[in-house]
Amino acid sequence: MRSLRILPPDDRMIKRQEKEVTVWNSFFKWIETINPLGGSKLEKAVNYALNYKETLCNYLLDGRCEISNNAAERRVKSYALGRKAFMFHTSVAGAGASAVMYSMIETAKANHLNVYQYLYMVLLYMPDYKNEPAGIEKLLPWSDFIKEHCTGLIDVENITPENHIPLPF
């Protein structure tokens, strides 16, 4: 239900248990009465629903889960669009680097960051902190430091390799 999206995860789970379990039970009760022709698409759909009953209802157990995987598919879309370009990777390392970049970009988008600024900040600070776990923690998209510096407009004139501030620990 769309009205449940605004609720916190725990409340969303409770509301789902109250409202949606009976709908699912009615659906499965109804689908068990269907007797489709063998080999038809309807038979495949009915068998799928019955075979994956538990999996289809998993989202009821956790309010953070979505009933649909549309959000995940939207995030992978940019990677899928680049497939044609991937034919021109000349090495496995190049393909791996491309996958890392797509992951970083999509994670930045998921955390509502300015992607260009996020990549700029990571590339600016990573050489200094690549062997320090605390520094890497500060460069993750959900860290307070990154959220503070990568949610607005970019300031590449003042934040340069020559005069950037050290990461706060």
C-alpha atoms as a PDB file:
ATOM      1  CA  MET A   1       0.000   0.000   0.000  1.00  0.00           C
ATOM      2  CA  ARG A   2       1.340   3.377  -0.977  1.00  0.00           C
ATOM      3  CA  SER A   3       0.093   5.005   2.226  1.00  0.00           C
ATOM      4  CA  LEU A   4       2.472   2.839   4.267  1.00  0.00           C
ATOM      5  CA  ARG A   5       5.608   4.258   2.592  1.00  0.00           C
ATOM      6  CA  ILE A   6       5.695   7.276   4.898  1.00  0.00           C
ATOM      7  CA  LEU A   7       5.690   5.136   8.055  1.00  0.00           C
ATOM      8  CA  PRO A   8       8.832   4.045   9.898  1.00  0.00           C
ATOM      9  CA  PRO A   9       9.820   0.404   9.146  1.00  0.00           C
ATOM     10  CA  ASP A  10       8.474  -1.068  12.413  1.00  0.00           C
ATOM     11  CA  ASP A  11       5.075   0.590  12.002  1.00  0.00           C
ATOM     12  CA  ARG A  12       5.004  -0.376   8.328  1.00  0.00           C
ATOM     13  CA  MET A  13       5.537  -4.042   9.250  1.00  0.00           C
ATOM     14  CA  ILE A  14       2.703  -3.945  11.810  1.00  0.00           C
ATOM     15  CA  LYS A  15       0.309  -2.310   9.321  1.00  0.00           C
ATOM     16  CA  ARG A  16       1.262  -4.853   6.669  1.00  0.00           C
ATOM     17  CA  GLN A  17       0.527  -7.667   9.098  1.00  0.00           C
ATOM     18  CA  GLU A  18      -2.869  -6.120   9.872  1.00  0.00           C
ATOM     19  CA  LYS A  19      -3.954  -5.307   6.320  1.00  0.00           C
ATOM     20  CA  GLU A  20      -2.060  -7.400   3.797  1.00  0.00           C
ATOM     21  CA  VAL A  21      -1.878 -10.884   5.306  1.00  0.00           C
ATOM     22  CA  THR A  22      -5.611 -11.427   4.788  1.00  0.00           C
ATOM     23  CA  VAL A  23      -5.291 -10.295   1.164  1.00  0.00           C
ATOM     24  CA  TRP A  24      -2.474 -12.771   0.548  1.00  0.00           C
ATOM     25  CA  ASN A  25      -4.379 -15.568   2.277  1.00  0.00           C
ATOM     26  CA  SER A  26      -7.432 -14.889   0.104  1.00  0.00           C
ATOM     27  CA  PHE A  27      -5.256 -14.791  -3.011  1.00  0.00           C
ATOM     28  CA  PHE A  28      -3.613 -18.146  -2.275  1.00  0.00           C
ATOM     29  CA  LYS A  29      -6.945 -19.705  -1.343  1.00  0.00           C
ATOM     30  CA  TRP A  30      -8.340 -18.533  -4.699  1.00  0.00           C
ATOM     31  CA  ILE A  31      -5.291 -19.565  -6.734  1.00  0.00           C
ATOM     32  CA  GLU A  32      -5.459 -23.098  -5.338  1.00  0.00           C
ATOM     33  CA  THR A  33      -8.920 -23.448  -6.907  1.00  0.00           C
ATOM     34  CA  ILE A  34      -7.662 -22.621 -10.422  1.00  0.00           C
ATOM     35  CA  ASN A  35      -7.132 -25.594 -12.692  1.00  0.00           C
ATOM     36  CA  PRO A  36      -5.336 -24.218 -15.775  1.00  0.00           C
ATOM     37  CA  LEU A  37      -4.551 -26.149 -18.945  1.00  0.00           C
ATOM     38  CA  GLY A  38      -1.250 -28.012 -18.830  1.00  0.00           C
ATOM     39  CA  GLY A  39       1.621 -26.109 -20.420  1.00  0.00           C
ATOM     40  CA  SER A  40      -0.247 -22.803 -20.567  1.00  0.00           C
ATOM     41  CA  LYS A  41       1.155 -19.507 -19.356  1.00  0.00           C
ATOM     42  CA  LEU A  42      -1.559 -19.418 -16.718  1.00  0.00           C
ATOM     43  CA  GLU A  43      -0.386 -22.780 -15.384  1.00  0.00           C
ATOM     44  CA  LYS A  44       3.188 -21.443 -15.179  1.00  0.00           C
ATOM     45  CA  ALA A  45       1.977 -18.362 -13.295  1.00  0.00           C
ATOM     46  CA  VAL A  46      -0.156 -20.418 -10.878  1.00  0.00           C
ATOM     47  CA  ASN A  47       2.688 -22.862 -10.220  1.00  0.00           C
ATOM     48  CA  TYR A  48       5.105 -19.992  -9.689  1.00  0.00           C
ATOM     49  CA  ALA A  49       2.812 -18.343  -7.151  1.00  0.00           C
ATOM     50  CA  LEU A  50       2.252 -21.609  -5.280  1.00  0.00           C
ATOM     51  CA  ASN A  51       5.917 -22.651  -5.357  1.00  0.00           C
ATOM     52  CA  TYR A  52       7.133 -19.255  -4.149  1.00  0.00           C
ATOM     53  CA  LYS A  53       4.355 -18.482  -1.680  1.00  0.00           C
ATOM     54  CA  GLU A  54       6.732 -18.013   1.254  1.00  0.00           C
ATOM     55  CA  THR A  55       9.194 -15.935  -0.777  1.00  0.00           C
ATOM     56  CA  LEU A  56       6.462 -13.690  -2.160  1.00  0.00           C
ATOM     57  CA  CYS A  57       5.318 -12.900   1.380  1.00  0.00           C
ATOM     58  CA  ASN A  58       8.792 -12.262   2.856  1.00  0.00           C
ATOM     59  CA  TYR A  59       8.345  -8.493   2.622  1.00  0.00           C
ATOM     60  CA  LEU A  60       5.653  -8.792   5.320  1.00  0.00           C
ATOM     61  CA  LEU A  61       8.316  -9.809   7.864  1.00  0.00           C
ATOM     62  CA  ASP A  62      10.436  -6.663   7.612  1.00  0.00           C
ATOM     63  CA  GLY A  63       9.151  -3.104   7.181  1.00  0.00           C
ATOM     64  CA  ARG A  64      12.335  -2.069   5.370  1.00  0.00           C
ATOM     65  CA  CYS A  65      11.626  -4.446   2.484  1.00  0.00           C
ATOM     66  CA  GLU A  66       9.631  -3.512  -0.584  1.00  0.00           C
ATOM     67  CA  ILE A  67       7.063  -5.750  -2.248  1.00  0.00           C
ATOM     68  CA  SER A  68       8.596  -4.860  -5.589  1.00  0.00           C
ATOM     69  CA  ASN A  69      12.170  -4.959  -6.797  1.00  0.00           C
ATOM     70  CA  ASN A  70      11.603  -1.919  -9.035  1.00  0.00           C
ATOM     71  CA  ALA A  71      13.981   0.275  -7.030  1.00  0.00           C
ATOM     72  CA  ALA A  72      16.784  -2.283  -7.354  1.00  0.00           C
ATOM     73  CA  GLU A  73      16.127  -2.687 -11.065  1.00  0.00           C
ATOM     74  CA  ARG A  74      16.243   1.082 -11.591  1.00  0.00           C
ATOM     75  CA  ARG A  75      19.630   1.179  -9.908  1.00  0.00           C
ATOM     76  CA  VAL A  76      21.039  -1.544 -12.163  1.00  0.00           C
ATOM     77  CA  LYS A  77      19.606   0.087 -15.279  1.00  0.00           C
ATOM     78  CA  SER A  78      22.593   2.387 -15.745  1.00  0.00           C
ATOM     79  CA  TYR A  79      24.887  -0.616 -15.682  1.00  0.00           C
ATOM     80  CA  ALA A  80      22.680  -2.483 -18.164  1.00  0.00           C
ATOM     81  CA  LEU A  81      22.717   0.508 -20.517  1.00  0.00           C
ATOM     82  CA  GLY A  82      26.503   0.392 -20.593  1.00  0.00           C
ATOM     83  CA  ARG A  83      26.701  -3.244 -21.699  1.00  0.00           C
ATOM     84  CA  LYS A  84      27.449  -2.361 -25.298  1.00  0.00           C
ATOM     85  CA  ALA A  85      30.384  -0.248 -24.202  1.00  0.00           C
ATOM     86  CA  PHE A  86      31.665  -3.102 -22.046  1.00  0.00           C
ATOM     87  CA  MET A  87      32.460  -5.117 -25.149  1.00  0.00           C
ATOM     88  CA  PHE A  88      35.417  -2.809 -25.560  1.00  0.00           C
ATOM     89  CA  HIS A  89      37.011  -3.549 -22.188  1.00  0.00           C
ATOM     90  CA  THR A  90      40.441  -4.817 -23.037  1.00  0.00           C
ATOM     91  CA  SER A  91      41.034  -6.641 -19.763  1.00  0.00           C
ATOM     92  CA  VAL A  92      39.322  -8.234 -16.804  1.00  0.00           C
ATOM     93  CA  ALA A  93      40.809  -5.506 -14.623  1.00  0.00           C
ATOM     94  CA  GLY A  94      39.168  -2.841 -16.806  1.00  0.00           C
ATOM     95  CA  ALA A  95      35.800  -4.570 -16.496  1.00  0.00           C
ATOM     96  CA  GLY A  96      36.291  -4.826 -12.730  1.00  0.00           C
ATOM     97  CA  ALA A  97      37.160  -1.131 -12.480  1.00  0.00           C
ATOM     98  CA  SER A  98      34.041  -0.287 -14.465  1.00  0.00           C
ATOM     99  CA  ALA A  99      31.904  -2.373 -12.106  1.00  0.00           C
ATOM    100  CA  VAL A 100      33.440  -0.619  -9.088  1.00  0.00           C
ATOM    101  CA  MET A 101      32.698   2.803 -10.591  1.00  0.00           C
ATOM    102  CA  TYR A 102      29.081   1.890 -11.370  1.00  0.00           C
ATOM    103  CA  SER A 103      28.663   0.600  -7.809  1.00  0.00           C
ATOM    104  CA  MET A 104      30.090   3.793  -6.352  1.00  0.00           C
ATOM    105  CA  ILE A 105      27.874   5.969  -8.540  1.00  0.00           C
ATOM    106  CA  GLU A 106      24.693   4.068  -7.747  1.00  0.00           C
ATOM    107  CA  THR A 107      25.490   4.011  -4.015  1.00  0.00           C
ATOM    108  CA  ALA A 108      26.075   7.779  -4.101  1.00  0.00           C
ATOM    109  CA  LYS A 109      22.728   8.241  -5.862  1.00  0.00           C
ATOM    110  CA  ALA A 110      21.007   6.038  -3.289  1.00  0.00           C
ATOM    111  CA  ASN A 111      22.418   8.271  -0.540  1.00  0.00           C
ATOM    112  CA  HIS A 112      21.221  11.448  -2.325  1.00  0.00           C
ATOM    113  CA  LEU A 113      24.710  12.768  -2.988  1.00  0.00           C
ATOM    114  CA  ASN A 114      26.031  14.937  -5.790  1.00  0.00           C
ATOM    115  CA  VAL A 115      27.738  12.091  -7.676  1.00  0.00           C
ATOM    116  CA  TYR A 116      30.406  14.247  -9.290  1.00  0.00           C
ATOM    117  CA  GLN A 117      31.308  15.834  -5.976  1.00  0.00           C
ATOM    118  CA  TYR A 118      31.341  12.451  -4.219  1.00  0.00           C
ATOM    119  CA  LEU A 119      33.750  10.978  -6.762  1.00  0.00           C
ATOM    120  CA  TYR A 120      35.853  14.147  -6.584  1.00  0.00           C
ATOM    121  CA  MET A 121      36.108  13.913  -2.785  1.00  0.00           C
ATOM    122  CA  VAL A 122      36.924  10.186  -2.826  1.00  0.00           C
ATOM    123  CA  LEU A 123      39.630  10.657  -5.442  1.00  0.00           C
ATOM    124  CA  LEU A 124      40.967  13.680  -3.566  1.00  0.00           C
ATOM    125  CA  TYR A 125      41.227  11.962  -0.165  1.00  0.00           C
ATOM    126  CA  MET A 126      41.797   8.304  -1.031  1.00  0.00           C
ATOM    127  CA  PRO A 127      45.552   8.588  -1.757  1.00  0.00           C
ATOM    128  CA  ASP A 128      46.146   9.948   1.759  1.00  0.00           C
ATOM    129  CA  TYR A 129      43.903   7.473   3.585  1.00  0.00           C
ATOM    130  CA  LYS A 130      43.854   4.288   1.476  1.00  0.00           C
ATOM    131  CA  ASN A 131      45.629   2.260   4.179  1.00  0.00           C
ATOM    132  CA  GLU A 132      43.674   3.697   7.112  1.00  0.00           C
ATOM    133  CA  PRO A 133      40.325   2.014   7.866  1.00  0.00           C
ATOM    134  CA  ALA A 134      39.100   5.093   9.759  1.00  0.00           C
ATOM    135  CA  GLY A 135      39.815   7.266   6.729  1.00  0.00           C
ATOM    136  CA  ILE A 136      37.994   4.898   4.413  1.00  0.00           C
ATOM    137  CA  GLU A 137      35.019   4.918   6.823  1.00  0.00           C
ATOM    138  CA  LYS A 138      34.883   8.711   6.493  1.00  0.00           C
ATOM    139  CA  LEU A 139      34.753   8.390   2.689  1.00  0.00           C
ATOM    140  CA  LEU A 140      31.755   6.064   2.591  1.00  0.00           C
ATOM    141  CA  PRO A 141      28.618   7.648   1.092  1.00  0.00           C
ATOM    142  CA  TRP A 142      26.652   7.505   4.349  1.00  0.00           C
ATOM    143  CA  SER A 143      29.336   9.125   6.530  1.00  0.00           C
ATOM    144  CA  ASP A 144      28.576  12.526   8.033  1.00  0.00           C
ATOM    145  CA  PHE A 145      31.709  14.024   6.455  1.00  0.00           C
ATOM    146  CA  ILE A 146      30.639  12.987   2.941  1.00  0.00           C
ATOM    147  CA  LYS A 147      27.015  13.992   3.478  1.00  0.00           C
ATOM    148  CA  GLU A 148      28.178  17.429   4.605  1.00  0.00           C
ATOM    149  CA  HIS A 149      30.498  17.950   1.627  1.00  0.00           C
ATOM    150  CA  CYS A 150      28.629  16.186  -1.196  1.00  0.00           C
ATOM    151  CA  THR A 151      24.964  17.111  -0.942  1.00  0.00           C
ATOM    152  CA  GLY A 152      25.064  20.648  -2.306  1.00  0.00           C
ATOM    153  CA  LEU A 153      26.847  22.379  -5.117  1.00  0.00           C
ATOM    154  CA  ILE A 154      30.447  21.470  -5.716  1.00  0.00           C
ATOM    155  CA  ASP A 155      33.246  23.787  -4.647  1.00  0.00           C
ATOM    156  CA  VAL A 156      36.238  22.569  -6.671  1.00  0.00           C
ATOM    157  CA  GLU A 157      37.934  25.959  -6.535  1.00  0.00           C
ATOM    158  CA  ASN A 158      38.416  25.890  -2.758  1.00  0.00           C
ATOM    159  CA  ILE A 159      38.755  22.160  -2.181  1.00  0.00           C
ATOM    160  CA  THR A 160      41.852  21.217  -4.160  1.00  0.00           C
ATOM    161  CA  PRO A 161      44.693  18.744  -3.588  1.00  0.00           C
ATOM    162  CA  GLU A 162      46.879  21.623  -2.394  1.00  0.00           C
ATOM    163  CA  ASN A 163      44.545  23.005   0.270  1.00  0.00           C
ATOM    164  CA  HIS A 164      42.042  20.347   1.334  1.00  0.00           C
ATOM    165  CA  ILE A 165      41.425  19.854   5.027  1.00  0.00           C
ATOM    166  CA  PRO A 166      42.385  16.536   6.627  1.00  0.00           C
ATOM    167  CA  LEU A 167      39.625  14.058   7.372  1.00  0.00           C
ATOM    168  CA  PRO A 168      38.186  14.433  10.896  1.00  0.00           C
ATOM    169  CA  PHE A 169      38.702  11.337  13.080  1.00  0.00           C
END
